C-alpha atoms as a PDB file:
ATOM      1  CA  MET A   1     115.365 190.275  46.730  1.00  0.00           C
ATOM      2  CA  ASN A   2     112.024 190.573  48.573  1.00  0.00           C
ATOM      3  CA  HIS A   3     110.888 187.235  47.115  1.00  0.00           C
ATOM      4  CA  PRO A   4     114.014 185.067  46.765  1.00  0.00           C
ATOM      5  CA  LEU A   5     113.736 181.608  45.290  1.00  0.00           C
ATOM      6  CA  VAL A   6     113.462 178.830  47.877  1.00  0.00           C
ATOM      7  CA  SER A   7     114.482 175.309  46.861  1.00  0.00           C
ATOM      8  CA  ILE A   8     112.626 172.485  48.620  1.00  0.00           C
ATOM      9  CA  ILE A   9     114.861 169.395  48.467  1.00  0.00           C
ATOM     10  CA  ILE A  10     113.127 166.038  48.986  1.00  0.00           C
ATOM     11  CA  PRO A  11     115.181 162.817  48.812  1.00  0.00           C
ATOM     12  CA  VAL A  12     112.905 159.821  48.247  1.00  0.00           C
ATOM     13  CA  TYR A  13     113.515 156.133  48.826  1.00  0.00           C
ATOM     14  CA  ASN A  14     110.558 153.697  48.893  1.00  0.00           C
ATOM     15  CA  LYS A  15     107.893 156.065  50.230  1.00  0.00           C
ATOM     16  CA  ALA A  16     105.137 155.288  47.741  1.00  0.00           C
ATOM     17  CA  ASP A  17     102.486 155.007  50.456  1.00  0.00           C
ATOM     18  CA  ILE A  18     103.069 158.490  51.917  1.00  0.00           C
ATOM     19  CA  VAL A  19     105.132 160.641  49.553  1.00  0.00           C
ATOM     20  CA  ARG A  20     102.023 162.208  47.974  1.00  0.00           C
ATOM     21  CA  GLU A  21     101.192 163.884  51.309  1.00  0.00           C
ATOM     22  CA  THR A  22     104.679 165.332  51.473  1.00  0.00           C
ATOM     23  CA  LEU A  23     104.531 166.644  47.914  1.00  0.00           C
ATOM     24  CA  GLU A  24     101.118 168.187  48.468  1.00  0.00           C
ATOM     25  CA  SER A  25     102.391 170.010  51.559  1.00  0.00           C
ATOM     26  CA  ALA A  26     105.291 171.406  49.527  1.00  0.00           C
ATOM     27  CA  LEU A  27     102.988 172.484  46.688  1.00  0.00           C
ATOM     28  CA  ALA A  28     100.551 174.067  49.151  1.00  0.00           C
ATOM     29  CA  GLN A  29     103.067 176.620  50.445  1.00  0.00           C
ATOM     30  CA  THR A  30     101.652 180.145  50.503  1.00  0.00           C
ATOM     31  CA  TYR A  31     105.093 181.404  49.456  1.00  0.00           C
ATOM     32  CA  SER A  32     104.941 181.069  45.678  1.00  0.00           C
ATOM     33  CA  ASN A  33     108.561 181.503  44.593  1.00  0.00           C
ATOM     34  CA  THR A  34     109.656 177.939  45.256  1.00  0.00           C
ATOM     35  CA  GLU A  35     111.081 175.063  43.296  1.00  0.00           C
ATOM     36  CA  ILE A  36     110.827 171.441  44.398  1.00  0.00           C
ATOM     37  CA  VAL A  37     113.839 169.221  43.757  1.00  0.00           C
ATOM     38  CA  LEU A  38     112.920 165.523  43.989  1.00  0.00           C
ATOM     39  CA  VAL A  39     115.798 163.058  44.178  1.00  0.00           C
ATOM     40  CA  ASN A  40     114.692 159.468  43.684  1.00  0.00           C
ATOM     41  CA  ASP A  41     117.313 157.341  45.441  1.00  0.00           C
ATOM     42  CA  GLY A  42     116.773 154.070  43.569  1.00  0.00           C
ATOM     43  CA  SER A  43     113.260 153.384  44.851  1.00  0.00           C
ATOM     44  CA  THR A  44     111.818 149.959  44.046  1.00  0.00           C
ATOM     45  CA  ASP A  45     108.254 150.317  45.383  1.00  0.00           C
ATOM     46  CA  GLY A  46     106.576 152.545  42.804  1.00  0.00           C
ATOM     47  CA  SER A  47     107.738 155.853  44.303  1.00  0.00           C
ATOM     48  CA  LEU A  48     109.403 156.833  41.017  1.00  0.00           C
ATOM     49  CA  ASP A  49     106.133 156.543  39.089  1.00  0.00           C
ATOM     50  CA  ILE A  50     104.470 158.884  41.584  1.00  0.00           C
ATOM     51  CA  LEU A  51     107.329 161.379  41.335  1.00  0.00           C
ATOM     52  CA  LYS A  52     107.203 161.274  37.534  1.00  0.00           C
ATOM     53  CA  THR A  53     103.482 162.041  37.617  1.00  0.00           C
ATOM     54  CA  TYR A  54     103.993 165.085  39.825  1.00  0.00           C
ATOM     55  CA  ALA A  55     106.946 166.284  37.723  1.00  0.00           C
ATOM     56  CA  ARG A  56     104.793 165.963  34.594  1.00  0.00           C
ATOM     57  CA  ASP A  57     101.835 167.772  36.160  1.00  0.00           C
ATOM     58  CA  PHE A  58     103.939 170.626  37.607  1.00  0.00           C
ATOM     59  CA  PRO A  59     106.817 171.083  35.143  1.00  0.00           C
ATOM     60  CA  GLU A  60     107.299 174.737  36.084  1.00  0.00           C
ATOM     61  CA  LYS A  61     107.664 173.838  39.766  1.00  0.00           C
ATOM     62  CA  ILE A  62     109.271 170.387  40.074  1.00  0.00           C
ATOM     63  CA  GLN A  63     112.646 169.010  39.010  1.00  0.00           C
ATOM     64  CA  LEU A  64     113.107 165.243  39.199  1.00  0.00           C
ATOM     65  CA  VAL A  65     116.534 163.648  39.516  1.00  0.00           C
ATOM     66  CA  THR A  66     117.085 159.891  39.660  1.00  0.00           C
ATOM     67  CA  GLN A  67     120.091 157.941  40.899  1.00  0.00           C
ATOM     68  CA  LYS A  68     120.918 154.423  42.005  1.00  0.00           C
ATOM     69  CA  ASN A  69     120.362 153.778  45.696  1.00  0.00           C
ATOM     70  CA  SER A  70     123.208 155.568  47.456  1.00  0.00           C
ATOM     71  CA  GLY A  71     121.730 156.785  50.744  1.00  0.00           C
ATOM     72  CA  VAL A  72     120.017 159.915  51.977  1.00  0.00           C
ATOM     73  CA  SER A  73     123.206 161.975  52.299  1.00  0.00           C
ATOM     74  CA  GLN A  74     124.263 161.471  48.691  1.00  0.00           C
ATOM     75  CA  ALA A  75     120.693 162.067  47.490  1.00  0.00           C
ATOM     76  CA  THR A  76     120.511 165.301  49.496  1.00  0.00           C
ATOM     77  CA  ASN A  77     123.867 166.457  48.159  1.00  0.00           C
ATOM     78  CA  LYS A  78     122.600 165.804  44.634  1.00  0.00           C
ATOM     79  CA  GLY A  79     119.572 167.943  45.423  1.00  0.00           C
ATOM     80  CA  ILE A  80     121.786 170.786  46.662  1.00  0.00           C
ATOM     81  CA  GLN A  81     123.814 170.627  43.434  1.00  0.00           C
ATOM     82  CA  VAL A  82     120.680 170.872  41.283  1.00  0.00           C
ATOM     83  CA  ALA A  83     118.874 173.498  43.400  1.00  0.00           C
ATOM     84  CA  LYS A  84     118.946 177.120  42.260  1.00  0.00           C
ATOM     85  CA  GLY A  85     117.406 178.759  45.311  1.00  0.00           C
ATOM     86  CA  GLU A  86     118.906 181.434  47.493  1.00  0.00           C
ATOM     87  CA  PHE A  87     117.381 179.581  50.453  1.00  0.00           C
ATOM     88  CA  ILE A  88     117.195 175.823  51.004  1.00  0.00           C
ATOM     89  CA  GLN A  89     114.303 173.970  52.629  1.00  0.00           C
ATOM     90  CA  PHE A  90     115.140 170.340  53.438  1.00  0.00           C
ATOM     91  CA  LEU A  91     112.150 168.007  53.649  1.00  0.00           C
ATOM     92  CA  ASP A  92     112.158 164.278  54.384  1.00  0.00           C
ATOM     93  CA  ALA A  93     109.835 162.294  52.124  1.00  0.00           C
ATOM     94  CA  ASP A  94     107.586 161.331  55.044  1.00  0.00           C
ATOM     95  CA  ASP A  95     107.286 164.736  56.754  1.00  0.00           C
ATOM     96  CA  LEU A  96     104.926 167.653  56.123  1.00  0.00           C
ATOM     97  CA  LEU A  97     105.150 171.441  56.041  1.00  0.00           C
ATOM     98  CA  PHE A  98     102.617 173.872  57.531  1.00  0.00           C
ATOM     99  CA  PRO A  99     101.287 175.992  54.605  1.00  0.00           C
ATOM    100  CA  GLU A 100     102.784 179.283  55.833  1.00  0.00           C
ATOM    101  CA  LYS A 101     106.065 177.769  56.999  1.00  0.00           C
ATOM    102  CA  ILE A 102     108.343 179.063  54.258  1.00  0.00           C
ATOM    103  CA  GLU A 103     106.556 182.409  53.843  1.00  0.00           C
ATOM    104  CA  ASN A 104     106.892 183.210  57.535  1.00  0.00           C
ATOM    105  CA  GLN A 105     110.554 182.247  57.692  1.00  0.00           C
ATOM    106  CA  VAL A 106     111.517 184.145  54.553  1.00  0.00           C
ATOM    107  CA  GLY A 107     109.854 187.165  56.125  1.00  0.00           C
ATOM    108  CA  LEU A 108     112.052 186.728  59.183  1.00  0.00           C
ATOM    109  CA  LEU A 109     115.297 186.462  57.224  1.00  0.00           C
ATOM    110  CA  ILE A 110     114.781 189.150  54.573  1.00  0.00           C
ATOM    111  CA  GLY A 111     116.532 192.337  55.566  1.00  0.00           C
ATOM    112  CA  LYS A 112     118.503 190.699  58.361  1.00  0.00           C
ATOM    113  CA  SER A 113     122.278 190.672  58.385  1.00  0.00           C
ATOM    114  CA  SER A 114     123.856 187.700  56.662  1.00  0.00           C
ATOM    115  CA  GLY A 115     124.615 184.652  58.751  1.00  0.00           C
ATOM    116  CA  ALA A 116     121.168 184.062  60.254  1.00  0.00           C
ATOM    117  CA  ILE A 117     119.059 180.939  59.779  1.00  0.00           C
ATOM    118  CA  ALA A 118     115.396 180.413  60.672  1.00  0.00           C
ATOM    119  CA  THR A 119     113.752 177.628  62.674  1.00  0.00           C
ATOM    120  CA  CYS A 120     110.215 176.797  63.788  1.00  0.00           C
ATOM    121  CA  GLU A 121     108.359 174.339  65.982  1.00  0.00           C
ATOM    122  CA  TRP A 122     108.159 170.683  64.998  1.00  0.00           C
ATOM    123  CA  VAL A 123     105.443 168.277  66.138  1.00  0.00           C
ATOM    124  CA  THR A 124     105.258 164.494  65.842  1.00  0.00           C
ATOM    125  CA  PHE A 125     102.557 162.339  64.279  1.00  0.00           C
ATOM    126  CA  SER A 126     102.060 158.752  63.159  1.00  0.00           C
ATOM    127  CA  ASP A 127      99.342 158.772  60.507  1.00  0.00           C
ATOM    128  CA  MET A 128      97.191 161.878  60.878  1.00  0.00           C
ATOM    129  CA  PRO A 129      98.809 165.314  61.310  1.00  0.00           C
ATOM    130  CA  GLU A 130      95.589 166.490  62.950  1.00  0.00           C
ATOM    131  CA  GLN A 131      96.496 164.199  65.872  1.00  0.00           C
ATOM    132  CA  SER A 132     100.051 165.475  66.237  1.00  0.00           C
ATOM    133  CA  GLN A 133     101.854 165.775  69.555  1.00  0.00           C
ATOM    134  CA  ARG A 134     103.484 169.056  70.543  1.00  0.00           C
ATOM    135  CA  TRP A 135     106.684 169.334  72.593  1.00  0.00           C
ATOM    136  CA  SER A 136     107.950 172.028  74.925  1.00  0.00           C
ATOM    137  CA  LEU A 137     111.637 172.275  74.014  1.00  0.00           C
ATOM    138  CA  ASN A 138     114.391 174.646  75.061  1.00  0.00           C
ATOM    139  CA  VAL A 139     115.421 175.110  71.416  1.00  0.00           C
ATOM    140  CA  PHE A 140     112.130 176.699  70.386  1.00  0.00           C
ATOM    141  CA  LYS A 141     113.501 180.247  70.688  1.00  0.00           C
ATOM    142  CA  ASP A 142     115.841 182.814  69.162  1.00  0.00           C
ATOM    143  CA  TYR A 143     119.599 182.468  69.566  1.00  0.00           C
ATOM    144  CA  PRO A 144     121.664 185.641  69.117  1.00  0.00           C
ATOM    145  CA  ASP A 145     124.666 183.271  69.167  1.00  0.00           C
ATOM    146  CA  SER A 146     124.061 180.058  67.187  1.00  0.00           C
ATOM    147  CA  ILE A 147     126.569 178.136  69.340  1.00  0.00           C
ATOM    148  CA  ASP A 148     124.150 178.399  72.261  1.00  0.00           C
ATOM    149  CA  MET A 149     121.670 176.342  70.271  1.00  0.00           C
ATOM    150  CA  CYS A 150     124.257 173.587  69.801  1.00  0.00           C
ATOM    151  CA  LEU A 151     124.885 173.535  73.545  1.00  0.00           C
ATOM    152  CA  ASP A 152     121.167 173.310  74.287  1.00  0.00           C
ATOM    153  CA  PHE A 153     120.972 170.305  71.956  1.00  0.00           C
ATOM    154  CA  PHE A 154     123.711 168.535  73.916  1.00  0.00           C
ATOM    155  CA  ASN A 155     122.876 169.666  77.444  1.00  0.00           C
ATOM    156  CA  HIS A 156     119.148 168.902  77.181  1.00  0.00           C
ATOM    157  CA  SER A 157     119.287 165.975  74.727  1.00  0.00           C
ATOM    158  CA  GLU A 158     117.092 167.812  72.233  1.00  0.00           C
ATOM    159  CA  MET A 159     116.943 167.979  68.448  1.00  0.00           C
ATOM    160  CA  MET A 160     115.472 170.060  65.663  1.00  0.00           C
ATOM    161  CA  ALA A 161     113.724 168.341  62.763  1.00  0.00           C
ATOM    162  CA  ASP A 162     115.518 168.918  59.443  1.00  0.00           C
ATOM    163  CA  SER A 163     112.433 170.514  57.924  1.00  0.00           C
ATOM    164  CA  SER A 164     112.238 173.094  60.737  1.00  0.00           C
ATOM    165  CA  TYR A 165     115.187 174.988  59.283  1.00  0.00           C
ATOM    166  CA  LEU A 166     115.308 177.477  56.436  1.00  0.00           C
ATOM    167  CA  VAL A 167     118.946 178.010  55.501  1.00  0.00           C
ATOM    168  CA  PRO A 168     120.602 180.568  53.222  1.00  0.00           C
ATOM    169  CA  ARG A 169     122.514 178.806  50.494  1.00  0.00           C
ATOM    170  CA  ASP A 170     125.745 180.650  51.272  1.00  0.00           C
ATOM    171  CA  LEU A 171     125.813 179.093  54.748  1.00  0.00           C
ATOM    172  CA  ILE A 172     125.449 175.619  53.257  1.00  0.00           C
ATOM    173  CA  GLU A 173     128.353 176.331  50.926  1.00  0.00           C
ATOM    174  CA  LYS A 174     130.460 177.351  53.927  1.00  0.00           C
ATOM    175  CA  ALA A 175     129.391 174.318  55.977  1.00  0.00           C
ATOM    176  CA  GLY A 176     130.057 171.847  53.182  1.00  0.00           C
ATOM    177  CA  PRO A 177     128.013 168.858  51.929  1.00  0.00           C
ATOM    178  CA  TRP A 178     126.304 166.179  53.957  1.00  0.00           C
ATOM    179  CA  ASN A 179     128.835 163.618  55.196  1.00  0.00           C
ATOM    180  CA  GLU A 180     128.223 160.541  53.043  1.00  0.00           C
ATOM    181  CA  ALA A 181     130.377 158.336  55.301  1.00  0.00           C
ATOM    182  CA  ILE A 182     127.940 158.708  58.205  1.00  0.00           C
ATOM    183  CA  THR A 183     124.738 156.641  58.119  1.00  0.00           C
ATOM    184  CA  VAL A 184     123.193 157.670  61.464  1.00  0.00           C
ATOM    185  CA  ASN A 185     122.744 161.229  62.714  1.00  0.00           C
ATOM    186  CA  GLN A 186     124.031 162.548  59.399  1.00  0.00           C
ATOM    187  CA  ASP A 187     121.463 165.349  59.575  1.00  0.00           C
ATOM    188  CA  GLY A 188     122.552 166.339  63.077  1.00  0.00           C
ATOM    189  CA  GLU A 189     126.188 166.436  61.977  1.00  0.00           C
ATOM    190  CA  PHE A 190     125.356 168.539  58.909  1.00  0.00           C
ATOM    191  CA  PHE A 191     123.253 171.095  60.758  1.00  0.00           C
ATOM    192  CA  LEU A 192     125.888 171.342  63.504  1.00  0.00           C
ATOM    193  CA  ARG A 193     128.286 172.563  60.810  1.00  0.00           C
ATOM    194  CA  VAL A 194     125.678 175.000  59.526  1.00  0.00           C
ATOM    195  CA  LEU A 195     125.219 176.378  63.038  1.00  0.00           C
ATOM    196  CA  VAL A 196     128.974 176.678  63.521  1.00  0.00           C
ATOM    197  CA  HIS A 197     129.122 178.919  60.439  1.00  0.00           C
ATOM    198  CA  ALA A 198     125.924 180.811  61.279  1.00  0.00           C
ATOM    199  CA  LYS A 199     125.783 183.832  63.533  1.00  0.00           C
ATOM    200  CA  ALA A 200     122.220 183.765  64.822  1.00  0.00           C
ATOM    201  CA  VAL A 201     119.069 181.636  64.835  1.00  0.00           C
ATOM    202  CA  LEU A 202     115.651 183.267  64.394  1.00  0.00           C
ATOM    203  CA  PHE A 203     112.676 181.268  65.685  1.00  0.00           C
ATOM    204  CA  GLU A 204     109.387 181.710  63.836  1.00  0.00           C
ATOM    205  CA  PRO A 205     106.631 180.969  66.393  1.00  0.00           C
ATOM    206  CA  SER A 206     103.493 180.579  64.263  1.00  0.00           C
ATOM    207  CA  GLY A 207     104.525 178.008  61.639  1.00  0.00           C
ATOM    208  CA  ARG A 208     105.409 174.393  62.228  1.00  0.00           C
ATOM    209  CA  VAL A 209     106.444 171.170  60.542  1.00  0.00           C
ATOM    210  CA  PHE A 210     105.084 167.672  61.054  1.00  0.00           C
ATOM    211  CA  TYR A 211     107.704 165.020  61.828  1.00  0.00           C
ATOM    212  CA  ARG A 212     106.480 161.471  61.235  1.00  0.00           C
ATOM    213  CA  LYS A 213     107.469 159.021  63.953  1.00  0.00           C
ATOM    214  CA  PRO A 214     109.830 156.351  62.603  1.00  0.00           C
ATOM    215  CA  GLY A 215     108.528 152.830  62.146  1.00  0.00           C
ATOM    216  CA  GLN A 216     109.709 149.952  64.311  1.00  0.00           C
ATOM    217  CA  SER A 217     112.018 148.647  61.592  1.00  0.00           C
ATOM    218  CA  ASN A 218     113.771 152.023  61.416  1.00  0.00           C
ATOM    219  CA  VAL A 219     114.220 152.074  65.195  1.00  0.00           C
ATOM    220  CA  SER A 220     115.745 148.577  65.234  1.00  0.00           C
ATOM    221  CA  GLN A 221     118.160 149.487  62.424  1.00  0.00           C
ATOM    222  CA  GLN A 222     119.416 152.391  64.526  1.00  0.00           C
ATOM    223  CA  LYS A 223     120.657 149.896  67.150  1.00  0.00           C
ATOM    224  CA  SER A 224     122.968 147.798  64.973  1.00  0.00           C
ATOM    225  CA  TYR A 225     126.741 147.798  65.436  1.00  0.00           C
ATOM    226  CA  GLN A 226     127.254 149.782  62.235  1.00  0.00           C
ATOM    227  CA  ALA A 227     124.647 152.341  63.299  1.00  0.00           C
ATOM    228  CA  SER A 228     126.222 152.729  66.741  1.00  0.00           C
ATOM    229  CA  GLN A 229     129.663 153.114  65.191  1.00  0.00           C
ATOM    230  CA  SER A 230     128.330 155.800  62.869  1.00  0.00           C
ATOM    231  CA  LEU A 231     126.620 157.604  65.754  1.00  0.00           C
ATOM    232  CA  LEU A 232     129.888 157.700  67.688  1.00  0.00           C
ATOM    233  CA  GLU A 233     131.690 159.091  64.644  1.00  0.00           C
ATOM    234  CA  SER A 234     129.077 161.824  64.311  1.00  0.00           C
ATOM    235  CA  TYR A 235     129.857 162.893  67.889  1.00  0.00           C
ATOM    236  CA  ARG A 236     133.551 163.064  67.009  1.00  0.00           C
ATOM    237  CA  CYS A 237     132.612 165.282  64.078  1.00  0.00           C
ATOM    238  CA  TYR A 238     130.638 167.488  66.480  1.00  0.00           C
ATOM    239  CA  GLU A 239     133.740 167.875  68.584  1.00  0.00           C
ATOM    240  CA  ARG A 240     136.071 168.719  65.705  1.00  0.00           C
ATOM    241  CA  GLU A 241     133.743 171.312  64.210  1.00  0.00           C
ATOM    242  CA  LEU A 242     132.478 172.979  67.366  1.00  0.00           C
ATOM    243  CA  LEU A 243     135.929 173.460  68.881  1.00  0.00           C
ATOM    244  CA  LYS A 244     136.952 175.381  65.760  1.00  0.00           C
ATOM    245  CA  ARG A 245     134.392 178.029  66.723  1.00  0.00           C
ATOM    246  CA  GLU A 246     134.714 177.998  70.510  1.00  0.00           C
ATOM    247  CA  ASN A 247     137.142 176.047  72.680  1.00  0.00           C
ATOM    248  CA  SER A 248     135.797 176.624  76.177  1.00  0.00           C
ATOM    249  CA  ASN A 249     134.861 174.669  79.289  1.00  0.00           C
ATOM    250  CA  ARG A 250     131.134 174.982  78.555  1.00  0.00           C
ATOM    251  CA  VAL A 251     131.603 173.563  75.055  1.00  0.00           C
ATOM    252  CA  ILE A 252     133.828 170.700  76.226  1.00  0.00           C
ATOM    253  CA  GLU A 253     131.376 169.733  78.967  1.00  0.00           C
ATOM    254  CA  ALA A 254     128.474 169.705  76.498  1.00  0.00           C
ATOM    255  CA  LEU A 255     130.488 167.564  74.072  1.00  0.00           C
ATOM    256  CA  ALA A 256     131.297 165.096  76.855  1.00  0.00           C
ATOM    257  CA  LYS A 257     127.570 164.630  77.466  1.00  0.00           C
ATOM    258  CA  ASN A 258     127.183 163.268  73.943  1.00  0.00           C
ATOM    259  CA  TYR A 259     129.731 160.542  74.660  1.00  0.00           C
ATOM    260  CA  LEU A 260     128.092 159.782  78.021  1.00  0.00           C
ATOM    261  CA  ARG A 261     124.725 159.528  76.329  1.00  0.00           C
ATOM    262  CA  PHE A 262     126.237 157.164  73.765  1.00  0.00           C
ATOM    263  CA  ILE A 263     127.435 154.882  76.569  1.00  0.00           C
ATOM    264  CA  TYR A 264     124.032 155.124  78.232  1.00  0.00           C
ATOM    265  CA  VAL A 265     122.062 153.999  75.159  1.00  0.00           C
ATOM    266  CA  THR A 266     124.645 151.447  73.930  1.00  0.00           C
ATOM    267  CA  HIS A 267     125.496 149.616  77.180  1.00  0.00           C
ATOM    268  CA  PRO A 268     125.953 146.669  77.532  1.00  0.00           C
ATOM    269  CA  LYS A 269     126.248 145.993  73.776  1.00  0.00           C
ATOM    270  CA  TYR A 270     129.362 146.754  71.744  1.00  0.00           C
ATOM    271  CA  PRO A 271     131.952 147.055  74.560  1.00  0.00           C
ATOM    272  CA  ASP A 272     134.660 148.110  72.100  1.00  0.00           C
ATOM    273  CA  LEU A 273     132.618 151.145  71.048  1.00  0.00           C
ATOM    274  CA  ILE A 274     131.885 151.941  74.691  1.00  0.00           C
ATOM    275  CA  ARG A 275     135.622 151.890  75.426  1.00  0.00           C
ATOM    276  CA  GLU A 276     136.206 154.281  72.529  1.00  0.00           C
ATOM    277  CA  ALA A 277     133.597 156.663  73.926  1.00  0.00           C
ATOM    278  CA  GLU A 278     135.183 156.440  77.381  1.00  0.00           C
ATOM    279  CA  LYS A 279     138.559 157.398  75.905  1.00  0.00           C
ATOM    280  CA  GLU A 280     136.976 160.438  74.276  1.00  0.00           C
ATOM    281  CA  ILE A 281     135.676 161.564  77.674  1.00  0.00           C
ATOM    282  CA  GLU A 282     138.938 160.812  79.500  1.00  0.00           C
ATOM    283  CA  LYS A 283     140.980 163.074  77.246  1.00  0.00           C
ATOM    284  CA  PHE A 284     139.009 166.077  78.516  1.00  0.00           C
ATOM    285  CA  ALA A 285     140.344 165.446  82.075  1.00  0.00           C
ATOM    286  CA  PHE A 286     137.481 167.004  84.049  1.00  0.00           C
ATOM    287  CA  SER A 287     138.144 167.871  87.685  1.00  0.00           C
ATOM    288  CA  ASN A 288     134.488 167.133  88.503  1.00  0.00           C
ATOM    289  CA  PRO A 289     132.426 164.416  86.818  1.00  0.00           C
ATOM    290  CA  VAL A 290     130.042 165.428  84.027  1.00  0.00           C
ATOM    291  CA  LEU A 291     126.571 163.994  84.611  1.00  0.00           C
ATOM    292  CA  ILE A 292     123.545 163.290  82.424  1.00  0.00           C
ATOM    293  CA  GLY A 293     120.026 162.070  83.111  1.00  0.00           C
ATOM    294  CA  GLY A 294     117.467 163.098  85.680  1.00  0.00           C
ATOM    295  CA  PRO A 295     118.263 164.227  89.246  1.00  0.00           C
ATOM    296  CA  ARG A 296     117.861 160.723  90.711  1.00  0.00           C
ATOM    297  CA  PHE A 297     120.087 159.083  88.095  1.00  0.00           C
ATOM    298  CA  GLN A 298     122.706 161.797  88.561  1.00  0.00           C
ATOM    299  CA  GLN A 299     122.695 161.268  92.323  1.00  0.00           C
ATOM    300  CA  ILE A 300     123.116 157.516  91.928  1.00  0.00           C
ATOM    301  CA  SER A 301     125.950 158.154  89.446  1.00  0.00           C
ATOM    302  CA  LYS A 302     127.748 160.199  92.101  1.00  0.00           C
ATOM    303  CA  TRP A 303     127.421 157.355  94.619  1.00  0.00           C
ATOM    304  CA  ILE A 304     128.328 154.314  92.520  1.00  0.00           C
ATOM    305  CA  GLY A 305     129.766 155.713  89.282  1.00  0.00           C
ATOM    306  CA  PHE A 306     128.168 156.308  85.907  1.00  0.00           C
ATOM    307  CA  LYS A 307     128.587 152.818  84.387  1.00  0.00           C
ATOM    308  CA  ASN A 308     127.359 151.098  87.563  1.00  0.00           C
ATOM    309  CA  ALA A 309     124.348 153.429  87.569  1.00  0.00           C
ATOM    310  CA  VAL A 310     123.618 152.425  83.958  1.00  0.00           C
ATOM    311  CA  ARG A 311     123.918 148.742  84.887  1.00  0.00           C
ATOM    312  CA  LEU A 312     121.551 149.216  87.827  1.00  0.00           C
ATOM    313  CA  LYS A 313     119.012 150.995  85.665  1.00  0.00           C
ATOM    314  CA  ARG A 314     119.139 148.169  83.097  1.00  0.00           C
ATOM    315  CA  ILE A 315     118.507 145.601  85.855  1.00  0.00           C
ATOM    316  CA  LEU A 316     115.627 147.567  87.343  1.00  0.00           C
ATOM    317  CA  ASN A 317     113.992 148.039  83.922  1.00  0.00           C
ATOM    318  CA  SER A 318     114.386 144.420  82.809  1.00  0.00           C
END
């Protein structure tokens, strides 16, 4: 029990140019009791040949699973099914792990009461991890109550990279699989459910993970109608799951900020989706308006209303 098996799950789709770096960072972990589960999601760019080479060279360490292209959620779920570890480390095929990341987090979790998960700092980079950018985020800390982390995500518009977490398998079984119907923010929706079932979050301050900035094509895909529709659905999932754990004014206000932020980033496109988000906010029936953005934007919202403030900001930035 002092050295439990950790499964590193890496879904791969067309990452031939960078997946070697990711695999090397997984193999370089100072914590030795790991297995690496590679799920090739129908790659067409030569990624599969690279994965086969690594699986052949490290047969005692790597399992390779192949499937037709079905999306990251289904590939990740396949990895969870194959994994044997007591702890799960999720790792995107373009991100990197600090060598001591898993060792440090296992050390945090061993001997603690069940229900805790571990996190660590994440930094961003484009090509060279040595030139990464660090961020000062509210969520880089311990949470005796995991729900407080969810609220910090929503209230401060922050996130945690998937690879920052180390999650006990029993919590994943309680949370359920990744939602294969959601194509945007599917990781945020999954980890929200994990946090709802967790009791505490332990932050490991010395390790880190390297989150590669998305390419321009990825960013543009996130702005399509289908992507926006999926994002809105993920916020509805947030609401359903979080209210099961705590139905309070602070939770409802934080949830409303997600819908406001959706309107902010979507306006003026997709008016039907904006109307749906507005209906989600209206059902909460706040006595005082919930505000997002910086102090100046919030003040303008009070004077002319939120949607007019968004319109004004769009005009000024055009």
